[in-house]
PDB file of N, CA and C in Angstrom:
ATOM      1  N   MET A   1       0.859  -1.181   0.000  1.00  0.00           N
ATOM      2  CA  MET A   1       0.000   0.000   0.000  1.00  0.00           C
ATOM      3  C   MET A   1       0.894   1.230   0.000  1.00  0.00           C
ATOM      4  N   HIS A   2       0.673   2.083  -0.946  1.00  0.00           N
ATOM      5  CA  HIS A   2       1.501   3.262  -1.126  1.00  0.00           C
ATOM      6  C   HIS A   2       0.659   4.506  -0.831  1.00  0.00           C
ATOM      7  N   HIS A   3       1.107   5.295   0.150  1.00  0.00           N
ATOM      8  CA  HIS A   3       0.412   6.538   0.499  1.00  0.00           C
ATOM      9  C   HIS A   3       1.194   7.713  -0.046  1.00  0.00           C
ATOM     10  N   GLU A   4       0.500   8.612  -0.659  1.00  0.00           N
ATOM     11  CA  GLU A   4       1.128   9.847  -1.090  1.00  0.00           C
ATOM     12  C   GLU A   4       0.979  10.876   0.022  1.00  0.00           C
ATOM     13  N   TRP A   5       1.885  11.861   0.039  1.00  0.00           N
ATOM     14  CA  TRP A   5       1.789  12.903   1.051  1.00  0.00           C
ATOM     15  C   TRP A   5       0.484  13.666   0.889  1.00  0.00           C
ATOM     16  N   ILE A   6       0.216  14.104  -0.310  1.00  0.00           N
ATOM     17  CA  ILE A   6      -1.063  14.741  -0.612  1.00  0.00           C
ATOM     18  C   ILE A   6      -1.496  14.175  -1.956  1.00  0.00           C
ATOM     19  N   GLY A   7      -2.516  13.356  -1.916  1.00  0.00           N
ATOM     20  CA  GLY A   7      -2.964  12.699  -3.141  1.00  0.00           C
ATOM     21  C   GLY A   7      -4.300  13.225  -3.594  1.00  0.00           C
ATOM     22  N   PRO A   8      -4.906  12.516  -4.549  1.00  0.00           N
ATOM     23  CA  PRO A   8      -6.221  12.923  -5.037  1.00  0.00           C
ATOM     24  C   PRO A   8      -7.273  12.921  -3.922  1.00  0.00           C
ATOM     25  N   ASP A   9      -7.167  11.969  -3.010  1.00  0.00           N
ATOM     26  CA  ASP A   9      -8.077  11.933  -1.864  1.00  0.00           C
ATOM     27  C   ASP A   9      -7.287  12.354  -0.637  1.00  0.00           C
ATOM     28  N   ILE A  10      -7.435  13.596  -0.233  1.00  0.00           N
ATOM     29  CA  ILE A  10      -6.639  14.158   0.866  1.00  0.00           C
ATOM     30  C   ILE A  10      -6.851  13.400   2.171  1.00  0.00           C
ATOM     31  N   ARG A  11      -8.044  12.787   2.335  1.00  0.00           N
ATOM     32  CA  ARG A  11      -8.329  12.077   3.582  1.00  0.00           C
ATOM     33  C   ARG A  11      -7.503  10.807   3.731  1.00  0.00           C
ATOM     34  N   ASP A  12      -6.901  10.315   2.655  1.00  0.00           N
ATOM     35  CA  ASP A  12      -6.105   9.097   2.724  1.00  0.00           C
ATOM     36  C   ASP A  12      -4.616   9.387   2.517  1.00  0.00           C
ATOM     37  N   SER A  13      -4.201  10.632   2.647  1.00  0.00           N
ATOM     38  CA  SER A  13      -2.797  10.972   2.464  1.00  0.00           C
ATOM     39  C   SER A  13      -2.033  10.789   3.773  1.00  0.00           C
ATOM     40  N   ALA A  14      -0.731  10.695   3.671  1.00  0.00           N
ATOM     41  CA  ALA A  14       0.114  10.552   4.856  1.00  0.00           C
ATOM     42  C   ALA A  14       0.006  11.787   5.745  1.00  0.00           C
ATOM     43  N   LEU A  15      -0.115  12.952   5.137  1.00  0.00           N
ATOM     44  CA  LEU A  15      -0.259  14.191   5.903  1.00  0.00           C
ATOM     45  C   LEU A  15      -1.538  14.171   6.752  1.00  0.00           C
ATOM     46  N   ALA A  16      -2.608  13.642   6.193  1.00  0.00           N
ATOM     47  CA  ALA A  16      -3.869  13.545   6.937  1.00  0.00           C
ATOM     48  C   ALA A  16      -3.727  12.590   8.113  1.00  0.00           C
ATOM     49  N   HIS A  17      -3.035  11.480   7.905  1.00  0.00           N
ATOM     50  CA  HIS A  17      -2.845  10.531   9.004  1.00  0.00           C
ATOM     51  C   HIS A  17      -1.999  11.129  10.125  1.00  0.00           C
ATOM     52  N   ILE A  18      -0.994  11.904   9.766  1.00  0.00           N
ATOM     53  CA  ILE A  18      -0.178  12.581  10.783  1.00  0.00           C
ATOM     54  C   ILE A  18      -1.033  13.569  11.568  1.00  0.00           C
ATOM     55  N   LEU A  19      -1.863  14.327  10.861  1.00  0.00           N
ATOM     56  CA  LEU A  19      -2.758  15.271  11.528  1.00  0.00           C
ATOM     57  C   LEU A  19      -3.730  14.550  12.461  1.00  0.00           C
ATOM     58  N   HIS A  20      -4.250  13.410  12.048  1.00  0.00           N
ATOM     59  CA  HIS A  20      -5.170  12.636  12.883  1.00  0.00           C
ATOM     60  C   HIS A  20      -4.479  12.171  14.161  1.00  0.00           C
ATOM     61  N   VAL A  21      -3.252  11.684  14.029  1.00  0.00           N
ATOM     62  CA  VAL A  21      -2.510  11.224  15.209  1.00  0.00           C
ATOM     63  C   VAL A  21      -2.253  12.390  16.165  1.00  0.00           C
ATOM     64  N   LEU A  22      -1.898  13.546  15.625  1.00  0.00           N
ATOM     65  CA  LEU A  22      -1.662  14.716  16.483  1.00  0.00           C
ATOM     66  C   LEU A  22      -2.937  15.157  17.204  1.00  0.00           C
ATOM     67  N   LEU A  23      -4.066  15.144  16.510  1.00  0.00           N
ATOM     68  CA  LEU A  23      -5.326  15.531  17.146  1.00  0.00           C
ATOM     69  C   LEU A  23      -5.719  14.546  18.246  1.00  0.00           C
ATOM     70  N   ILE A  24      -5.600  13.260  17.961  1.00  0.00           N
ATOM     71  CA  ILE A  24      -5.933  12.253  18.979  1.00  0.00           C
ATOM     72  C   ILE A  24      -4.978  12.361  20.161  1.00  0.00           C
ATOM     73  N   GLY A  25      -3.697  12.582  19.893  1.00  0.00           N
ATOM     74  CA  GLY A  25      -2.727  12.776  20.973  1.00  0.00           C
ATOM     75  C   GLY A  25      -3.064  13.988  21.827  1.00  0.00           C
ATOM     76  N   GLY A  26      -3.494  15.073  21.188  1.00  0.00           N
ATOM     77  CA  GLY A  26      -3.890  16.264  21.933  1.00  0.00           C
ATOM     78  C   GLY A  26      -5.104  16.012  22.812  1.00  0.00           C
ATOM     79  N   VAL A  27      -6.063  15.237  22.304  1.00  0.00           N
ATOM     80  CA  VAL A  27      -7.240  14.890  23.112  1.00  0.00           C
ATOM     81  C   VAL A  27      -6.814  14.101  24.342  1.00  0.00           C
ATOM     82  N   ILE A  28      -5.896  13.168  24.160  1.00  0.00           N
ATOM     83  CA  ILE A  28      -5.425  12.354  25.293  1.00  0.00           C
ATOM     84  C   ILE A  28      -4.694  13.224  26.307  1.00  0.00           C
ATOM     85  N   VAL A  29      -3.819  14.108  25.838  1.00  0.00           N
ATOM     86  CA  VAL A  29      -3.050  14.962  26.750  1.00  0.00           C
ATOM     87  C   VAL A  29      -3.970  15.904  27.520  1.00  0.00           C
ATOM     88  N   TYR A  30      -4.899  16.576  26.819  1.00  0.00           N
ATOM     89  CA  TYR A  30      -5.813  17.490  27.513  1.00  0.00           C
ATOM     90  C   TYR A  30      -6.738  16.734  28.463  1.00  0.00           C
ATOM     91  N   GLY A  31      -7.161  15.545  28.064  1.00  0.00           N
ATOM     92  CA  GLY A  31      -7.984  14.734  28.962  1.00  0.00           C
ATOM     93  C   GLY A  31      -7.228  14.362  30.230  1.00  0.00           C
ATOM     94  N   TRP A  32      -5.968  13.986  30.069  1.00  0.00           N
ATOM     95  CA  TRP A  32      -5.139  13.642  31.230  1.00  0.00           C
ATOM     96  C   TRP A  32      -4.935  14.867  32.127  1.00  0.00           C
ATOM     97  N   GLN A  33      -4.700  16.032  31.545  1.00  0.00           N
ATOM     98  CA  GLN A  33      -4.537  17.245  32.331  1.00  0.00           C
ATOM     99  C   GLN A  33      -5.816  17.608  33.075  1.00  0.00           C
ATOM    100  N   ALA A  34      -6.967  17.346  32.466  1.00  0.00           N
ATOM    101  CA  ALA A  34      -8.242  17.612  33.142  1.00  0.00           C
ATOM    102  C   ALA A  34      -8.408  16.701  34.350  1.00  0.00           C
ATOM    103  N   VAL A  35      -8.066  15.433  34.189  1.00  0.00           N
ATOM    104  CA  VAL A  35      -8.176  14.485  35.305  1.00  0.00           C
ATOM    105  C   VAL A  35      -7.211  14.854  36.415  1.00  0.00           C
ATOM    106  N   THR A  36      -5.979  15.210  36.076  1.00  0.00           N
ATOM    107  CA  THR A  36      -5.008  15.565  37.118  1.00  0.00           C
ATOM    108  C   THR A  36      -5.374  16.870  37.815  1.00  0.00           C
ATOM    109  N   ALA A  37      -6.049  17.788  37.108  1.00  0.00           N
ATOM    110  CA  ALA A  37      -6.484  19.027  37.762  1.00  0.00           C
ATOM    111  C   ALA A  37      -7.537  18.730  38.824  1.00  0.00           C
ATOM    112  N   LEU A  38      -8.298  17.668  38.639  1.00  0.00           N
ATOM    113  CA  LEU A  38      -9.318  17.301  39.629  1.00  0.00           C
ATOM    114  C   LEU A  38      -8.763  16.450  40.762  1.00  0.00           C
ATOM    115  N   THR A  39      -7.657  15.735  40.524  1.00  0.00           N
ATOM    116  CA  THR A  39      -7.161  14.813  41.546  1.00  0.00           C
ATOM    117  C   THR A  39      -6.042  15.375  42.403  1.00  0.00           C
ATOM    118  N   ARG A  40      -5.386  16.440  41.956  1.00  0.00           N
ATOM    119  CA  ARG A  40      -4.295  16.975  42.784  1.00  0.00           C
ATOM    120  C   ARG A  40      -4.841  17.961  43.800  1.00  0.00           C
ATOM    121  N   LYS A  41      -4.006  18.281  44.771  1.00  0.00           N
ATOM    122  CA  LYS A  41      -4.383  19.256  45.787  1.00  0.00           C
ATOM    123  C   LYS A  41      -3.607  20.531  45.544  1.00  0.00           C
ATOM    124  N   PRO A  42      -4.172  21.697  45.491  1.00  0.00           N
ATOM    125  CA  PRO A  42      -5.594  21.988  45.570  1.00  0.00           C
ATOM    126  C   PRO A  42      -6.298  21.662  44.244  1.00  0.00           C
ATOM    127  N   THR A  43      -7.514  21.205  44.359  1.00  0.00           N
ATOM    128  CA  THR A  43      -8.308  20.843  43.194  1.00  0.00           C
ATOM    129  C   THR A  43      -8.726  22.095  42.440  1.00  0.00           C
ATOM    130  N   SER A  44      -8.625  22.045  41.130  1.00  0.00           N
ATOM    131  CA  SER A  44      -9.003  23.178  40.297  1.00  0.00           C
ATOM    132  C   SER A  44     -10.057  22.726  39.292  1.00  0.00           C
ATOM    133  N   VAL A  45     -11.309  22.933  39.646  1.00  0.00           N
ATOM    134  CA  VAL A  45     -12.409  22.528  38.768  1.00  0.00           C
ATOM    135  C   VAL A  45     -12.430  23.391  37.512  1.00  0.00           C
ATOM    136  N   PHE A  46     -12.167  24.685  37.658  1.00  0.00           N
ATOM    137  CA  PHE A  46     -12.164  25.580  36.503  1.00  0.00           C
ATOM    138  C   PHE A  46     -11.106  25.144  35.492  1.00  0.00           C
ATOM    139  N   LEU A  47      -9.915  24.809  35.969  1.00  0.00           N
ATOM    140  CA  LEU A  47      -8.860  24.350  35.070  1.00  0.00           C
ATOM    141  C   LEU A  47      -9.245  23.028  34.418  1.00  0.00           C
ATOM    142  N   ALA A  48      -9.872  22.149  35.157  1.00  0.00           N
ATOM    143  CA  ALA A  48     -10.298  20.866  34.602  1.00  0.00           C
ATOM    144  C   ALA A  48     -11.340  21.057  33.508  1.00  0.00           C
ATOM    145  N   VAL A  49     -12.288  21.962  33.733  1.00  0.00           N
ATOM    146  CA  VAL A  49     -13.313  22.236  32.721  1.00  0.00           C
ATOM    147  C   VAL A  49     -12.671  22.853  31.482  1.00  0.00           C
ATOM    148  N   ARG A  50     -11.736  23.761  31.701  1.00  0.00           N
ATOM    149  CA  ARG A  50     -11.049  24.404  30.576  1.00  0.00           C
ATOM    150  C   ARG A  50     -10.269  23.376  29.753  1.00  0.00           C
ATOM    151  N   LYS A  51      -9.542  22.497  30.422  1.00  0.00           N
ATOM    152  CA  LYS A  51      -8.788  21.458  29.709  1.00  0.00           C
ATOM    153  C   LYS A  51      -9.741  20.494  29.004  1.00  0.00           C
ATOM    154  N   GLY A  52     -10.883  20.213  29.617  1.00  0.00           N
ATOM    155  CA  GLY A  52     -11.881  19.362  28.983  1.00  0.00           C
ATOM    156  C   GLY A  52     -12.422  19.971  27.700  1.00  0.00           C
ATOM    157  N   PHE A  53     -12.647  21.274  27.703  1.00  0.00           N
ATOM    158  CA  PHE A  53     -13.122  21.934  26.485  1.00  0.00           C
ATOM    159  C   PHE A  53     -12.032  22.012  25.425  1.00  0.00           C
ATOM    160  N   ASN A  54     -10.768  22.129  25.838  1.00  0.00           N
ATOM    161  CA  ASN A  54      -9.681  22.062  24.862  1.00  0.00           C
ATOM    162  C   ASN A  54      -9.651  20.684  24.202  1.00  0.00           C
ATOM    163  N   ALA A  55      -9.830  19.637  24.998  1.00  0.00           N
ATOM    164  CA  ALA A  55      -9.886  18.276  24.453  1.00  0.00           C
ATOM    165  C   ALA A  55     -11.092  18.124  23.526  1.00  0.00           C
ATOM    166  N   ALA A  56     -12.224  18.693  23.922  1.00  0.00           N
ATOM    167  CA  ALA A  56     -13.423  18.614  23.088  1.00  0.00           C
ATOM    168  C   ALA A  56     -13.209  19.327  21.759  1.00  0.00           C
ATOM    169  N   TRP A  57     -12.504  20.442  21.769  1.00  0.00           N
ATOM    170  CA  TRP A  57     -12.239  21.173  20.537  1.00  0.00           C
ATOM    171  C   TRP A  57     -11.425  20.309  19.563  1.00  0.00           C
ATOM    172  N   LEU A  58     -10.384  19.652  20.080  1.00  0.00           N
ATOM    173  CA  LEU A  58      -9.570  18.805  19.217  1.00  0.00           C
ATOM    174  C   LEU A  58     -10.371  17.594  18.728  1.00  0.00           C
ATOM    175  N   ALA A  59     -11.227  17.053  19.581  1.00  0.00           N
ATOM    176  CA  ALA A  59     -12.055  15.919  19.174  1.00  0.00           C
ATOM    177  C   ALA A  59     -13.037  16.320  18.078  1.00  0.00           C
ATOM    178  N   VAL A  60     -13.640  17.491  18.210  1.00  0.00           N
ATOM    179  CA  VAL A  60     -14.575  17.956  17.183  1.00  0.00           C
ATOM    180  C   VAL A  60     -13.837  18.220  15.869  1.00  0.00           C
ATOM    181  N   LEU A  61     -12.646  18.798  15.938  1.00  0.00           N
ATOM    182  CA  LEU A  61     -11.858  18.997  14.719  1.00  0.00           C
ATOM    183  C   LEU A  61     -11.547  17.666  14.055  1.00  0.00           C
ATOM    184  N   PHE A  62     -11.203  16.671  14.858  1.00  0.00           N
ATOM    185  CA  PHE A  62     -10.935  15.337  14.322  1.00  0.00           C
ATOM    186  C   PHE A  62     -12.167  14.784  13.618  1.00  0.00           C
ATOM    187  N   LEU A  63     -13.323  14.916  14.251  1.00  0.00           N
ATOM    188  CA  LEU A  63     -14.559  14.407  13.647  1.00  0.00           C
ATOM    189  C   LEU A  63     -14.924  15.163  12.378  1.00  0.00           C
ATOM    190  N   ILE A  64     -14.729  16.454  12.379  1.00  0.00           N
ATOM    191  CA  ILE A  64     -15.038  17.246  11.180  1.00  0.00           C
ATOM    192  C   ILE A  64     -14.118  16.848  10.021  1.00  0.00           C
ATOM    193  N   LEU A  65     -12.855  16.576  10.326  1.00  0.00           N
ATOM    194  CA  LEU A  65     -11.903  16.246   9.266  1.00  0.00           C
ATOM    195  C   LEU A  65     -12.028  14.816   8.756  1.00  0.00           C
ATOM    196  N   THR A  66     -12.531  13.908   9.579  1.00  0.00           N
ATOM    197  CA  THR A  66     -12.515  12.500   9.183  1.00  0.00           C
ATOM    198  C   THR A  66     -13.850  11.978   8.670  1.00  0.00           C
ATOM    199  N   ARG A  67     -14.930  12.661   8.898  1.00  0.00           N
ATOM    200  CA  ARG A  67     -16.243  12.171   8.465  1.00  0.00           C
ATOM    201  C   ARG A  67     -16.555  12.613   7.046  1.00  0.00           C
ATOM    202  N   LEU A  68     -17.260  11.765   6.326  1.00  0.00           N
ATOM    203  CA  LEU A  68     -17.680  12.128   4.983  1.00  0.00           C
ATOM    204  C   LEU A  68     -18.682  13.272   5.020  1.00  0.00           C
ATOM    205  N   ASN A  69     -19.541  13.278   6.042  1.00  0.00           N
ATOM    206  CA  ASN A  69     -20.526  14.343   6.218  1.00  0.00           C
ATOM    207  C   ASN A  69     -20.227  15.049   7.548  1.00  0.00           C
ATOM    208  N   PRO A  70     -19.418  16.113   7.537  1.00  0.00           N
ATOM    209  CA  PRO A  70     -19.039  16.768   8.794  1.00  0.00           C
ATOM    210  C   PRO A  70     -20.090  17.740   9.328  1.00  0.00           C
ATOM    211  N   VAL A  71     -21.168  17.951   8.597  1.00  0.00           N
ATOM    212  CA  VAL A  71     -22.158  18.955   8.980  1.00  0.00           C
ATOM    213  C   VAL A  71     -22.744  18.721  10.381  1.00  0.00           C
ATOM    214  N   PRO A  72     -23.060  17.483  10.790  1.00  0.00           N
ATOM    215  CA  PRO A  72     -23.621  17.314  12.136  1.00  0.00           C
ATOM    216  C   PRO A  72     -22.680  17.761  13.264  1.00  0.00           C
ATOM    217  N   PHE A  73     -21.384  17.798  12.998  1.00  0.00           N
ATOM    218  CA  PHE A  73     -20.426  18.155  14.035  1.00  0.00           C
ATOM    219  C   PHE A  73     -20.117  19.646  14.060  1.00  0.00           C
ATOM    220  N   LEU A  74     -20.603  20.380  13.079  1.00  0.00           N
ATOM    221  CA  LEU A  74     -20.314  21.811  13.030  1.00  0.00           C
ATOM    222  C   LEU A  74     -20.973  22.568  14.180  1.00  0.00           C
ATOM    223  N   ARG A  75     -22.180  22.182  14.555  1.00  0.00           N
ATOM    224  CA  ARG A  75     -22.860  22.846  15.667  1.00  0.00           C
ATOM    225  C   ARG A  75     -22.086  22.648  16.973  1.00  0.00           C
ATOM    226  N   ALA A  76     -21.601  21.429  17.187  1.00  0.00           N
ATOM    227  CA  ALA A  76     -20.794  21.169  18.379  1.00  0.00           C
ATOM    228  C   ALA A  76     -19.499  21.975  18.321  1.00  0.00           C
ATOM    229  N   GLY A  77     -18.909  22.088  17.134  1.00  0.00           N
ATOM    230  CA  GLY A  77     -17.689  22.869  16.984  1.00  0.00           C
ATOM    231  C   GLY A  77     -17.899  24.335  17.294  1.00  0.00           C
ATOM    232  N   VAL A  78     -19.021  24.879  16.848  1.00  0.00           N
ATOM    233  CA  VAL A  78     -19.332  26.288  17.138  1.00  0.00           C
ATOM    234  C   VAL A  78     -19.542  26.492  18.636  1.00  0.00           C
ATOM    235  N   PHE A  79     -20.250  25.559  19.282  1.00  0.00           N
ATOM    236  CA  PHE A  79     -20.491  25.667  20.725  1.00  0.00           C
ATOM    237  C   PHE A  79     -19.172  25.638  21.497  1.00  0.00           C
ATOM    238  N   VAL A  80     -18.306  24.679  21.177  1.00  0.00           N
ATOM    239  CA  VAL A  80     -17.027  24.562  21.890  1.00  0.00           C
ATOM    240  C   VAL A  80     -16.167  25.791  21.624  1.00  0.00           C
ATOM    241  N   ALA A  81     -16.168  26.290  20.397  1.00  0.00           N
ATOM    242  CA  ALA A  81     -15.381  27.487  20.077  1.00  0.00           C
ATOM    243  C   ALA A  81     -15.883  28.697  20.866  1.00  0.00           C
ATOM    244  N   LEU A  82     -17.201  28.830  20.996  1.00  0.00           N
ATOM    245  CA  LEU A  82     -17.748  29.946  21.776  1.00  0.00           C
ATOM    246  C   LEU A  82     -17.367  29.849  23.250  1.00  0.00           C
ATOM    247  N   VAL A  83     -17.396  28.643  23.800  1.00  0.00           N
ATOM    248  CA  VAL A  83     -16.998  28.465  25.203  1.00  0.00           C
ATOM    249  C   VAL A  83     -15.521  28.816  25.377  1.00  0.00           C
ATOM    250  N   LEU A  84     -14.677  28.391  24.443  1.00  0.00           N
ATOM    251  CA  LEU A  84     -13.254  28.733  24.537  1.00  0.00           C
ATOM    252  C   LEU A  84     -13.025  30.237  24.411  1.00  0.00           C
ATOM    253  N   LEU A  85     -13.815  30.891  23.571  1.00  0.00           N
ATOM    254  CA  LEU A  85     -13.721  32.355  23.482  1.00  0.00           C
ATOM    255  C   LEU A  85     -14.160  33.024  24.780  1.00  0.00           C
ATOM    256  N   LEU A  86     -15.178  32.473  25.427  1.00  0.00           N
ATOM    257  CA  LEU A  86     -15.602  32.996  26.730  1.00  0.00           C
ATOM    258  C   LEU A  86     -14.500  32.830  27.772  1.00  0.00           C
ATOM    259  N   PHE A  87     -13.781  31.708  27.731  1.00  0.00           N
ATOM    260  CA  PHE A  87     -12.648  31.516  28.642  1.00  0.00           C
ATOM    261  C   PHE A  87     -11.577  32.575  28.398  1.00  0.00           C
ATOM    262  N   LYS A  88     -11.296  32.881  27.135  1.00  0.00           N
ATOM    263  CA  LYS A  88     -10.308  33.915  26.815  1.00  0.00           C
ATOM    264  C   LYS A  88     -10.771  35.290  27.299  1.00  0.00           C
ATOM    265  N   LEU A  89     -12.047  35.573  27.111  1.00  0.00           N
ATOM    266  CA  LEU A  89     -12.600  36.839  27.588  1.00  0.00           C
ATOM    267  C   LEU A  89     -12.499  36.923  29.109  1.00  0.00           C
ATOM    268  N   TRP A  90     -12.795  35.820  29.791  1.00  0.00           N
ATOM    269  CA  TRP A  90     -12.679  35.780  31.254  1.00  0.00           C
ATOM    270  C   TRP A  90     -11.238  36.050  31.682  1.00  0.00           C
ATOM    271  N   ASP A  91     -10.273  35.491  30.958  1.00  0.00           N
ATOM    272  CA  ASP A  91      -8.861  35.740  31.275  1.00  0.00           C
ATOM    273  C   ASP A  91      -8.519  37.219  31.138  1.00  0.00           C
ATOM    274  N   ARG A  92      -9.024  37.854  30.102  1.00  0.00           N
ATOM    275  CA  ARG A  92      -8.751  39.283  29.893  1.00  0.00           C
ATOM    276  C   ARG A  92      -9.387  40.134  30.983  1.00  0.00           C
ATOM    277  N   VAL A  93     -10.615  39.802  31.354  1.00  0.00           N
ATOM    278  CA  VAL A  93     -11.333  40.596  32.348  1.00  0.00           C
ATOM    279  C   VAL A  93     -10.740  40.399  33.737  1.00  0.00           C
ATOM    280  N   SER A  94     -10.363  39.180  34.061  1.00  0.00           N
ATOM    281  CA  SER A  94      -9.911  38.891  35.417  1.00  0.00           C
ATOM    282  C   SER A  94      -8.413  39.078  35.604  1.00  0.00           C
ATOM    283  N   ALA A  95      -7.667  39.389  34.551  1.00  0.00           N
ATOM    284  CA  ALA A  95      -6.220  39.567  34.673  1.00  0.00           C
ATOM    285  C   ALA A  95      -5.909  40.852  35.433  1.00  0.00           C
ATOM    286  N   ARG A  96      -4.825  40.798  36.183  1.00  0.00           N
ATOM    287  CA  ARG A  96      -4.381  42.005  36.877  1.00  0.00           C
ATOM    288  C   ARG A  96      -3.872  43.011  35.876  1.00  0.00           C
ATOM    289  N   ALA A  97      -4.051  44.271  36.197  1.00  0.00           N
ATOM    290  CA  ALA A  97      -3.560  45.331  35.321  1.00  0.00           C
ATOM    291  C   ALA A  97      -2.033  45.314  35.341  1.00  0.00           C
ATOM    292  N   PRO A  98      -1.416  45.481  34.192  1.00  0.00           N
ATOM    293  CA  PRO A  98       0.056  45.501  34.177  1.00  0.00           C
ATOM    294  C   PRO A  98       0.578  46.748  34.875  1.00  0.00           C
ATOM    295  N   GLU A  99       1.661  46.543  35.608  1.00  0.00           N
ATOM    296  CA  GLU A  99       2.254  47.691  36.300  1.00  0.00           C
ATOM    297  C   GLU A  99       3.022  48.532  35.295  1.00  0.00           C
ATOM    298  N   ASP A 100       2.911  49.845  35.462  1.00  0.00           N
ATOM    299  CA  ASP A 100       3.683  50.693  34.556  1.00  0.00           C
ATOM    300  C   ASP A 100       5.123  50.797  35.047  1.00  0.00           C
ATOM    301  N   ARG A 101       5.976  51.268  34.207  1.00  0.00           N
ATOM    302  CA  ARG A 101       7.407  51.286  34.499  1.00  0.00           C
ATOM    303  C   ARG A 101       7.754  52.209  35.667  1.00  0.00           C
ATOM    304  N   ALA A 102       7.068  53.330  35.808  1.00  0.00           N
ATOM    305  CA  ALA A 102       7.361  54.271  36.887  1.00  0.00           C
ATOM    306  C   ALA A 102       7.075  53.630  38.252  1.00  0.00           C
ATOM    307  N   THR A 103       6.004  52.865  38.347  1.00  0.00           N
ATOM    308  CA  THR A 103       5.678  52.193  39.609  1.00  0.00           C
ATOM    309  C   THR A 103       6.748  51.177  39.966  1.00  0.00           C
ATOM    310  N   LYS A 104       7.234  50.449  38.984  1.00  0.00           N
ATOM    311  CA  LYS A 104       8.275  49.452  39.238  1.00  0.00           C
ATOM    312  C   LYS A 104       9.572  50.112  39.700  1.00  0.00           C
ATOM    313  N   LEU A 105       9.903  51.249  39.111  1.00  0.00           N
ATOM    314  CA  LEU A 105      11.145  51.916  39.473  1.00  0.00           C
ATOM    315  C   LEU A 105      11.092  52.503  40.871  1.00  0.00           C
ATOM    316  N   THR A 106       9.932  53.008  41.307  1.00  0.00           N
ATOM    317  CA  THR A 106       9.843  53.610  42.623  1.00  0.00           C
ATOM    318  C   THR A 106       9.781  52.567  43.727  1.00  0.00           C
ATOM    319  N   ARG A 107       9.274  51.371  43.411  1.00  0.00           N
ATOM    320  CA  ARG A 107       9.177  50.341  44.436  1.00  0.00           C
ATOM    321  C   ARG A 107      10.463  49.556  44.612  1.00  0.00           C
ATOM    322  N   GLY A 108      11.233  49.478  43.597  1.00  0.00           N
ATOM    323  CA  GLY A 108      12.292  48.544  43.797  1.00  0.00           C
ATOM    324  C   GLY A 108      13.502  48.703  43.064  1.00  0.00           C
TER     325      GLY A 108
END
């Protein structure tokens, strides 16, 4: 069996298989990080949920890329993407304001 890097059917190319392995590996890594965030002390439920949604994003991308009809997975992809955007917005809102240079120079 001979695989081309990018052939007439992109879904059966070596590049596609490499991408599939990377996506599945990312799902496993994020899933493991979510479990460890719940089992270590102190427990971080927010971090576990965030890592779970990162894993879900990679899983949805995998499903969209590998299915002949990816349309049913697009709604799930949009939902997960919106949740990840909300996490980014939360990070921006809850981040501490950066200290300006004059404050740093006077303190230390």
